[in-house]
Amino acid sequence: MGNQKVLKLGVFDSGLGGISVLNELTQSLSQIEFVYYGDLKNAPYGEKTSAEVFALTASACEYLINKEVDAIVIACNTATSVAIEKLRARYSIPIFGMEPAIKPALLDHPLEMVAVMATSLTLKEDKFTNLKHRLNGHSRIKPVPCNGLAKLIDLGDREKIKAFLEPILDDLCRQNIQVVVLGCTHYVLIKELIYRLNPNIKIYDGNAGTARHVANKLNLQFRQEAYTPKIEIYLNGATEEDYFVLRQYTGLP
């Protein structure tokens, strides 16, 4: 057999949140190389204007294309909401984005309210509004803006993260809302902490769905055996503390 070209997949986020998507992709797909780009210098994106987010996301895509990736996953819900359609029109390579797992949450819990934790920018963009109105049961969706949480996750300060989450989860509990969709890839990194604060909560995220979508569109095989992929990680504007937090979230040396 001749040498088969290994596909190189670029993964981008405004900070460390996309690591949760990278983890899902590396655990699911085989025979792929990964290039991760985290724009810590300009994080958080959820508190910027749409124009700023588009410019930064386009710059990140240019960076990854210069690394000769074959496709890009925008592992950031905010950047996906703002920029993905324009970027698909601009570039010839496949570009994938994130979608909150609202549909499975509604289907699994047809009589319950579903909270969607995300940045304010994600929640006010047309992409989120259109998604809601495409779904049966959209009146059961409760947006929960969490501005500032992604930044705390990038900093890795678990006590501050806990202090941020407690009033939000307490409020949902008072409203008898136990189904939560994580509409930001950063939040997936603290899923276990959310469970500890409320063991009865049911959490949904879009990471596995994104991995399946990427595999289907690129005709990739799901991993059947142990495989250690090549991963390059670039963090724009990162400090030594940022790399320490990265190791906490990934287990990388």
C-alpha atoms as a PDB file:
ATOM      1  CA  MET A   1       0.000   0.000   0.000  1.00  0.00           C
ATOM      2  CA  GLY A   2       1.188   3.530  -0.722  1.00  0.00           C
ATOM      3  CA  ASN A   3       1.496   6.182   1.894  1.00  0.00           C
ATOM      4  CA  GLN A   4      -1.926   7.631   2.618  1.00  0.00           C
ATOM      5  CA  LYS A   5      -2.064  11.334   3.402  1.00  0.00           C
ATOM      6  CA  VAL A   6      -3.046  11.977   7.003  1.00  0.00           C
ATOM      7  CA  LEU A   7      -5.756  14.591   7.290  1.00  0.00           C
ATOM      8  CA  LYS A   8      -4.823  17.626   9.369  1.00  0.00           C
ATOM      9  CA  LEU A   9      -7.692  19.188  11.296  1.00  0.00           C
ATOM     10  CA  GLY A  10      -7.482  22.708  12.709  1.00  0.00           C
ATOM     11  CA  VAL A  11      -9.395  23.459  15.907  1.00  0.00           C
ATOM     12  CA  PHE A  12      -9.922  27.041  17.054  1.00  0.00           C
ATOM     13  CA  ASP A  13     -11.352  28.716  20.138  1.00  0.00           C
ATOM     14  CA  SER A  14     -11.136  32.091  21.836  1.00  0.00           C
ATOM     15  CA  GLY A  15      -9.291  30.436  24.718  1.00  0.00           C
ATOM     16  CA  LEU A  16      -9.100  26.997  26.316  1.00  0.00           C
ATOM     17  CA  GLY A  17     -12.750  25.989  25.885  1.00  0.00           C
ATOM     18  CA  GLY A  18     -12.092  24.359  22.536  1.00  0.00           C
ATOM     19  CA  ILE A  19      -9.873  21.878  24.354  1.00  0.00           C
ATOM     20  CA  SER A  20     -13.106  20.111  25.337  1.00  0.00           C
ATOM     21  CA  VAL A  21     -13.905  19.715  21.628  1.00  0.00           C
ATOM     22  CA  LEU A  22     -10.328  18.671  20.837  1.00  0.00           C
ATOM     23  CA  ASN A  23     -10.610  16.010  23.545  1.00  0.00           C
ATOM     24  CA  GLU A  24     -13.807  14.678  21.945  1.00  0.00           C
ATOM     25  CA  LEU A  25     -12.288  14.645  18.465  1.00  0.00           C
ATOM     26  CA  THR A  26      -9.090  12.876  19.545  1.00  0.00           C
ATOM     27  CA  GLN A  27     -11.079  10.258  21.453  1.00  0.00           C
ATOM     28  CA  SER A  28     -13.481   9.660  18.558  1.00  0.00           C
ATOM     29  CA  LEU A  29     -11.468   9.874  15.348  1.00  0.00           C
ATOM     30  CA  SER A  30      -8.402   8.006  14.156  1.00  0.00           C
ATOM     31  CA  GLN A  31      -5.536   8.715  11.774  1.00  0.00           C
ATOM     32  CA  ILE A  32      -5.812  12.492  12.038  1.00  0.00           C
ATOM     33  CA  GLU A  33      -3.343  15.184  13.036  1.00  0.00           C
ATOM     34  CA  PHE A  34      -4.623  18.173  14.995  1.00  0.00           C
ATOM     35  CA  VAL A  35      -3.584  21.812  15.202  1.00  0.00           C
ATOM     36  CA  TYR A  36      -5.195  23.732  18.071  1.00  0.00           C
ATOM     37  CA  TYR A  37      -5.190  27.529  18.189  1.00  0.00           C
ATOM     38  CA  GLY A  38      -6.453  29.318  21.294  1.00  0.00           C
ATOM     39  CA  ASP A  39      -6.694  33.100  21.138  1.00  0.00           C
ATOM     40  CA  LEU A  40      -6.145  33.834  24.823  1.00  0.00           C
ATOM     41  CA  LYS A  41      -4.787  37.281  23.999  1.00  0.00           C
ATOM     42  CA  ASN A  42      -8.220  38.469  22.857  1.00  0.00           C
ATOM     43  CA  ALA A  43     -10.462  36.350  25.074  1.00  0.00           C
ATOM     44  CA  PRO A  44     -13.266  36.408  26.014  1.00  0.00           C
ATOM     45  CA  TYR A  45     -15.096  36.779  22.694  1.00  0.00           C
ATOM     46  CA  GLY A  46     -18.541  36.751  24.317  1.00  0.00           C
ATOM     47  CA  GLU A  47     -18.062  40.308  25.549  1.00  0.00           C
ATOM     48  CA  LYS A  48     -16.945  41.762  22.191  1.00  0.00           C
ATOM     49  CA  THR A  49     -18.943  43.170  19.288  1.00  0.00           C
ATOM     50  CA  SER A  50     -19.951  40.941  16.390  1.00  0.00           C
ATOM     51  CA  ALA A  51     -17.546  42.817  14.107  1.00  0.00           C
ATOM     52  CA  GLU A  52     -14.657  42.233  16.491  1.00  0.00           C
ATOM     53  CA  VAL A  53     -15.475  38.531  16.820  1.00  0.00           C
ATOM     54  CA  PHE A  54     -15.651  38.096  13.050  1.00  0.00           C
ATOM     55  CA  ALA A  55     -12.292  39.799  12.502  1.00  0.00           C
ATOM     56  CA  LEU A  56     -10.592  37.707  15.186  1.00  0.00           C
ATOM     57  CA  THR A  57     -12.148  34.470  13.938  1.00  0.00           C
ATOM     58  CA  ALA A  58     -11.115  35.192  10.350  1.00  0.00           C
ATOM     59  CA  SER A  59      -7.572  35.882  11.565  1.00  0.00           C
ATOM     60  CA  ALA A  60      -7.538  32.556  13.419  1.00  0.00           C
ATOM     61  CA  CYS A  61      -8.703  30.735  10.289  1.00  0.00           C
ATOM     62  CA  GLU A  62      -5.898  32.370   8.297  1.00  0.00           C
ATOM     63  CA  TYR A  63      -3.425  31.185  10.938  1.00  0.00           C
ATOM     64  CA  LEU A  64      -4.667  27.600  10.690  1.00  0.00           C
ATOM     65  CA  ILE A  65      -4.760  27.647   6.891  1.00  0.00           C
ATOM     66  CA  ASN A  66      -1.127  28.759   6.935  1.00  0.00           C
ATOM     67  CA  LYS A  67      -0.477  25.625   9.025  1.00  0.00           C
ATOM     68  CA  GLU A  68      -1.836  23.679   6.011  1.00  0.00           C
ATOM     69  CA  VAL A  69      -4.896  22.232   7.713  1.00  0.00           C
ATOM     70  CA  ASP A  70      -7.427  20.413   5.529  1.00  0.00           C
ATOM     71  CA  ALA A  71     -10.481  21.521   7.515  1.00  0.00           C
ATOM     72  CA  ILE A  72     -11.292  23.735  10.496  1.00  0.00           C
ATOM     73  CA  VAL A  73     -13.532  23.259  13.514  1.00  0.00           C
ATOM     74  CA  ILE A  74     -14.568  26.550  15.109  1.00  0.00           C
ATOM     75  CA  ALA A  75     -14.813  25.133  18.630  1.00  0.00           C
ATOM     76  CA  CYS A  76     -16.420  28.287  19.996  1.00  0.00           C
ATOM     77  CA  ASN A  77     -20.174  28.829  20.105  1.00  0.00           C
ATOM     78  CA  THR A  78     -19.859  32.620  20.010  1.00  0.00           C
ATOM     79  CA  ALA A  79     -17.514  32.622  17.004  1.00  0.00           C
ATOM     80  CA  THR A  80     -19.728  30.063  15.252  1.00  0.00           C
ATOM     81  CA  SER A  81     -22.830  32.191  15.787  1.00  0.00           C
ATOM     82  CA  VAL A  82     -21.188  35.349  14.479  1.00  0.00           C
ATOM     83  CA  ALA A  83     -18.838  34.231  11.743  1.00  0.00           C
ATOM     84  CA  ILE A  84     -19.301  30.768  10.305  1.00  0.00           C
ATOM     85  CA  GLU A  85     -21.509  31.549   7.301  1.00  0.00           C
ATOM     86  CA  LYS A  86     -19.231  34.368   6.105  1.00  0.00           C
ATOM     87  CA  LEU A  87     -16.144  32.207   6.626  1.00  0.00           C
ATOM     88  CA  ARG A  88     -17.611  29.326   4.632  1.00  0.00           C
ATOM     89  CA  ALA A  89     -18.209  31.773   1.786  1.00  0.00           C
ATOM     90  CA  ARG A  90     -14.649  33.112   2.045  1.00  0.00           C
ATOM     91  CA  TYR A  91     -12.630  29.871   2.252  1.00  0.00           C
ATOM     92  CA  SER A  92     -12.679  26.731   0.123  1.00  0.00           C
ATOM     93  CA  ILE A  93     -11.817  24.242   2.891  1.00  0.00           C
ATOM     94  CA  PRO A  94     -14.581  22.711   5.057  1.00  0.00           C
ATOM     95  CA  ILE A  95     -15.367  24.774   8.154  1.00  0.00           C
ATOM     96  CA  PHE A  96     -17.388  23.260  10.979  1.00  0.00           C
ATOM     97  CA  GLY A  97     -18.963  24.988  13.946  1.00  0.00           C
ATOM     98  CA  MET A  98     -20.738  24.325  17.199  1.00  0.00           C
ATOM     99  CA  GLU A  99     -24.466  24.002  17.802  1.00  0.00           C
ATOM    100  CA  PRO A 100     -25.955  23.779  21.299  1.00  0.00           C
ATOM    101  CA  ALA A 101     -27.525  20.365  21.927  1.00  0.00           C
ATOM    102  CA  ILE A 102     -30.975  21.869  22.450  1.00  0.00           C
ATOM    103  CA  LYS A 103     -32.836  19.456  20.175  1.00  0.00           C
ATOM    104  CA  PRO A 104     -31.849  16.250  22.033  1.00  0.00           C
ATOM    105  CA  ALA A 105     -32.517  17.949  25.369  1.00  0.00           C
ATOM    106  CA  LEU A 106     -36.050  18.898  24.283  1.00  0.00           C
ATOM    107  CA  LEU A 107     -36.717  15.451  22.820  1.00  0.00           C
ATOM    108  CA  ASP A 108     -35.461  13.615  25.903  1.00  0.00           C
ATOM    109  CA  HIS A 109     -37.471  15.829  28.270  1.00  0.00           C
ATOM    110  CA  PRO A 110     -40.675  16.768  26.413  1.00  0.00           C
ATOM    111  CA  LEU A 111     -42.441  18.215  29.463  1.00  0.00           C
ATOM    112  CA  GLU A 112     -39.567  20.143  31.033  1.00  0.00           C
ATOM    113  CA  MET A 113     -38.013  23.571  30.642  1.00  0.00           C
ATOM    114  CA  VAL A 114     -34.506  23.533  29.182  1.00  0.00           C
ATOM    115  CA  ALA A 115     -31.916  26.118  30.265  1.00  0.00           C
ATOM    116  CA  VAL A 116     -29.230  27.161  27.780  1.00  0.00           C
ATOM    117  CA  MET A 117     -26.098  28.548  29.426  1.00  0.00           C
ATOM    118  CA  ALA A 118     -24.120  30.691  26.977  1.00  0.00           C
ATOM    119  CA  THR A 119     -22.625  34.127  26.410  1.00  0.00           C
ATOM    120  CA  SER A 120     -24.988  37.034  25.800  1.00  0.00           C
ATOM    121  CA  LEU A 121     -23.587  37.441  22.287  1.00  0.00           C
ATOM    122  CA  THR A 122     -24.369  33.817  21.416  1.00  0.00           C
ATOM    123  CA  LEU A 123     -27.891  34.154  22.795  1.00  0.00           C
ATOM    124  CA  LYS A 124     -28.710  37.328  20.857  1.00  0.00           C
ATOM    125  CA  GLU A 125     -27.298  36.246  17.482  1.00  0.00           C
ATOM    126  CA  ASP A 126     -29.681  35.229  14.676  1.00  0.00           C
ATOM    127  CA  LYS A 127     -28.185  31.727  14.581  1.00  0.00           C
ATOM    128  CA  PHE A 128     -29.464  30.964  18.087  1.00  0.00           C
ATOM    129  CA  THR A 129     -32.838  32.630  17.454  1.00  0.00           C
ATOM    130  CA  ASN A 130     -33.319  30.684  14.216  1.00  0.00           C
ATOM    131  CA  LEU A 131     -32.329  27.430  15.912  1.00  0.00           C
ATOM    132  CA  LYS A 132     -34.901  27.994  18.650  1.00  0.00           C
ATOM    133  CA  HIS A 133     -37.711  28.643  16.188  1.00  0.00           C
ATOM    134  CA  ARG A 134     -36.855  25.566  14.112  1.00  0.00           C
ATOM    135  CA  LEU A 135     -37.446  23.352  17.120  1.00  0.00           C
ATOM    136  CA  ASN A 136     -40.721  22.084  18.488  1.00  0.00           C
ATOM    137  CA  GLY A 137     -40.944  23.155  22.101  1.00  0.00           C
ATOM    138  CA  HIS A 138     -38.953  26.365  21.640  1.00  0.00           C
ATOM    139  CA  SER A 139     -41.198  28.031  24.230  1.00  0.00           C
ATOM    140  CA  ARG A 140     -39.573  25.732  26.817  1.00  0.00           C
ATOM    141  CA  ILE A 141     -36.097  27.164  26.216  1.00  0.00           C
ATOM    142  CA  LYS A 142     -34.748  29.489  28.902  1.00  0.00           C
ATOM    143  CA  PRO A 143     -31.623  31.464  27.895  1.00  0.00           C
ATOM    144  CA  VAL A 144     -29.143  31.887  30.764  1.00  0.00           C
ATOM    145  CA  PRO A 145     -26.402  34.441  29.958  1.00  0.00           C
ATOM    146  CA  CYS A 146     -23.118  33.637  31.704  1.00  0.00           C
ATOM    147  CA  ASN A 147     -20.823  36.506  30.772  1.00  0.00           C
ATOM    148  CA  GLY A 148     -17.495  36.222  32.546  1.00  0.00           C
ATOM    149  CA  LEU A 149     -17.613  32.474  33.156  1.00  0.00           C
ATOM    150  CA  ALA A 150     -15.411  31.572  30.178  1.00  0.00           C
ATOM    151  CA  LYS A 151     -12.714  33.934  31.419  1.00  0.00           C
ATOM    152  CA  LEU A 152     -12.763  32.310  34.869  1.00  0.00           C
ATOM    153  CA  ILE A 153     -12.411  28.900  33.226  1.00  0.00           C
ATOM    154  CA  ASP A 154      -9.405  30.123  31.232  1.00  0.00           C
ATOM    155  CA  LEU A 155      -7.878  31.293  34.521  1.00  0.00           C
ATOM    156  CA  GLY A 156      -8.550  27.902  36.133  1.00  0.00           C
ATOM    157  CA  ASP A 157      -9.752  29.416  39.434  1.00  0.00           C
ATOM    158  CA  ARG A 158     -12.169  26.744  40.640  1.00  0.00           C
ATOM    159  CA  GLU A 159     -13.302  28.662  43.723  1.00  0.00           C
ATOM    160  CA  LYS A 160     -14.303  31.671  41.633  1.00  0.00           C
ATOM    161  CA  ILE A 161     -15.946  29.377  39.090  1.00  0.00           C
ATOM    162  CA  LYS A 162     -17.912  27.728  41.886  1.00  0.00           C
ATOM    163  CA  ALA A 163     -18.952  31.115  43.292  1.00  0.00           C
ATOM    164  CA  PHE A 164     -20.130  32.155  39.812  1.00  0.00           C
ATOM    165  CA  LEU A 165     -22.135  28.975  39.252  1.00  0.00           C
ATOM    166  CA  GLU A 166     -23.860  28.617  42.609  1.00  0.00           C
ATOM    167  CA  PRO A 167     -26.412  31.462  42.266  1.00  0.00           C
ATOM    168  CA  ILE A 168     -27.198  30.451  38.677  1.00  0.00           C
ATOM    169  CA  LEU A 169     -27.814  26.821  39.594  1.00  0.00           C
ATOM    170  CA  ASP A 170     -29.751  27.815  42.719  1.00  0.00           C
ATOM    171  CA  ASP A 171     -32.018  30.016  40.592  1.00  0.00           C
ATOM    172  CA  LEU A 172     -32.632  27.188  38.118  1.00  0.00           C
ATOM    173  CA  CYS A 173     -33.401  24.851  41.005  1.00  0.00           C
ATOM    174  CA  ARG A 174     -35.956  27.317  42.413  1.00  0.00           C
ATOM    175  CA  GLN A 175     -37.638  27.324  38.998  1.00  0.00           C
ATOM    176  CA  ASN A 176     -37.538  23.510  38.956  1.00  0.00           C
ATOM    177  CA  ILE A 177     -35.311  23.498  35.864  1.00  0.00           C
ATOM    178  CA  GLN A 178     -33.061  20.441  35.906  1.00  0.00           C
ATOM    179  CA  VAL A 179     -32.135  20.172  32.210  1.00  0.00           C
ATOM    180  CA  VAL A 180     -29.202  22.336  31.101  1.00  0.00           C
ATOM    181  CA  VAL A 181     -27.575  22.749  27.696  1.00  0.00           C
ATOM    182  CA  LEU A 182     -23.999  24.028  27.771  1.00  0.00           C
ATOM    183  CA  GLY A 183     -23.899  26.556  24.943  1.00  0.00           C
ATOM    184  CA  CYS A 184     -20.206  27.368  25.314  1.00  0.00           C
ATOM    185  CA  THR A 185     -17.371  24.889  24.865  1.00  0.00           C
ATOM    186  CA  HIS A 186     -15.598  26.352  27.901  1.00  0.00           C
ATOM    187  CA  TYR A 187     -18.413  25.167  30.152  1.00  0.00           C
ATOM    188  CA  VAL A 188     -17.872  21.533  29.151  1.00  0.00           C
ATOM    189  CA  LEU A 189     -14.510  21.680  30.929  1.00  0.00           C
ATOM    190  CA  ILE A 190     -16.329  22.220  34.252  1.00  0.00           C
ATOM    191  CA  LYS A 191     -19.141  19.732  33.712  1.00  0.00           C
ATOM    192  CA  GLU A 192     -18.065  17.625  36.693  1.00  0.00           C
ATOM    193  CA  LEU A 193     -18.101  20.698  38.952  1.00  0.00           C
ATOM    194  CA  ILE A 194     -21.651  21.490  37.827  1.00  0.00           C
ATOM    195  CA  TYR A 195     -22.670  17.923  38.653  1.00  0.00           C
ATOM    196  CA  ARG A 196     -21.127  18.234  42.104  1.00  0.00           C
ATOM    197  CA  LEU A 197     -23.048  21.434  42.770  1.00  0.00           C
ATOM    198  CA  ASN A 198     -26.299  19.825  41.582  1.00  0.00           C
ATOM    199  CA  PRO A 199     -26.177  16.011  41.312  1.00  0.00           C
ATOM    200  CA  ASN A 200     -29.723  15.891  39.891  1.00  0.00           C
ATOM    201  CA  ILE A 201     -28.993  18.080  36.904  1.00  0.00           C
ATOM    202  CA  LYS A 202     -29.076  16.666  33.363  1.00  0.00           C
ATOM    203  CA  ILE A 203     -26.392  18.221  31.161  1.00  0.00           C
ATOM    204  CA  TYR A 204     -26.184  18.307  27.367  1.00  0.00           C
ATOM    205  CA  ASP A 205     -23.382  19.645  25.171  1.00  0.00           C
ATOM    206  CA  GLY A 206     -22.711  19.655  21.440  1.00  0.00           C
ATOM    207  CA  ASN A 207     -19.207  18.196  21.386  1.00  0.00           C
ATOM    208  CA  ALA A 208     -20.070  14.595  20.489  1.00  0.00           C
ATOM    209  CA  GLY A 209     -22.499  15.803  17.830  1.00  0.00           C
ATOM    210  CA  THR A 210     -19.779  17.956  16.303  1.00  0.00           C
ATOM    211  CA  ALA A 211     -17.365  15.004  16.208  1.00  0.00           C
ATOM    212  CA  ARG A 212     -19.985  12.861  14.452  1.00  0.00           C
ATOM    213  CA  HIS A 213     -20.745  15.644  11.967  1.00  0.00           C
ATOM    214  CA  VAL A 214     -17.054  16.140  11.152  1.00  0.00           C
ATOM    215  CA  ALA A 215     -16.583  12.386  10.689  1.00  0.00           C
ATOM    216  CA  ASN A 216     -19.598  12.082   8.392  1.00  0.00           C
ATOM    217  CA  LYS A 217     -18.752  15.077   6.220  1.00  0.00           C
ATOM    218  CA  LEU A 218     -15.072  14.148   5.841  1.00  0.00           C
ATOM    219  CA  ASN A 219     -15.707  10.391   5.529  1.00  0.00           C
ATOM    220  CA  LEU A 220     -13.591   9.637   8.583  1.00  0.00           C
ATOM    221  CA  GLN A 221     -13.576   6.460  10.620  1.00  0.00           C
ATOM    222  CA  PHE A 222     -14.446   6.425  14.290  1.00  0.00           C
ATOM    223  CA  ARG A 223     -11.624   5.155  16.436  1.00  0.00           C
ATOM    224  CA  GLN A 224     -11.750   1.413  17.116  1.00  0.00           C
ATOM    225  CA  GLU A 225      -8.426   0.974  18.895  1.00  0.00           C
ATOM    226  CA  ALA A 226      -5.796   2.855  20.865  1.00  0.00           C
ATOM    227  CA  TYR A 227      -4.313   5.694  18.860  1.00  0.00           C
ATOM    228  CA  THR A 228      -2.113   8.606  19.909  1.00  0.00           C
ATOM    229  CA  PRO A 229      -2.625  11.472  17.477  1.00  0.00           C
ATOM    230  CA  LYS A 230      -0.123  14.181  16.706  1.00  0.00           C
ATOM    231  CA  ILE A 231      -1.335  17.417  18.323  1.00  0.00           C
ATOM    232  CA  GLU A 232       0.178  20.868  17.888  1.00  0.00           C
ATOM    233  CA  ILE A 233      -1.085  23.504  20.331  1.00  0.00           C
ATOM    234  CA  TYR A 234      -0.627  27.239  19.850  1.00  0.00           C
ATOM    235  CA  LEU A 235      -1.932  29.685  22.453  1.00  0.00           C
ATOM    236  CA  ASN A 236      -1.858  33.318  21.365  1.00  0.00           C
ATOM    237  CA  GLY A 237      -0.700  35.568  24.188  1.00  0.00           C
ATOM    238  CA  ALA A 238      -0.366  32.718  26.686  1.00  0.00           C
ATOM    239  CA  THR A 239       1.546  32.941  29.955  1.00  0.00           C
ATOM    240  CA  GLU A 240       3.172  30.108  31.883  1.00  0.00           C
ATOM    241  CA  GLU A 241       0.068  30.073  34.087  1.00  0.00           C
ATOM    242  CA  ASP A 242      -2.097  29.523  30.997  1.00  0.00           C
ATOM    243  CA  TYR A 243      -0.065  26.454  30.051  1.00  0.00           C
ATOM    244  CA  PHE A 244      -0.419  25.167  33.612  1.00  0.00           C
ATOM    245  CA  VAL A 245      -4.210  25.484  33.334  1.00  0.00           C
ATOM    246  CA  LEU A 246      -4.077  23.809  29.918  1.00  0.00           C
ATOM    247  CA  ARG A 247      -2.309  20.808  31.453  1.00  0.00           C
ATOM    248  CA  GLN A 248      -5.011  20.635  34.141  1.00  0.00           C
ATOM    249  CA  TYR A 249      -7.742  20.406  31.514  1.00  0.00           C
ATOM    250  CA  THR A 250      -5.967  18.013  29.139  1.00  0.00           C
ATOM    251  CA  GLY A 251      -3.584  15.903  31.176  1.00  0.00           C
ATOM    252  CA  LEU A 252      -0.887  16.715  28.618  1.00  0.00           C
ATOM    253  CA  PRO A 253       2.697  16.861  29.952  1.00  0.00           C
END
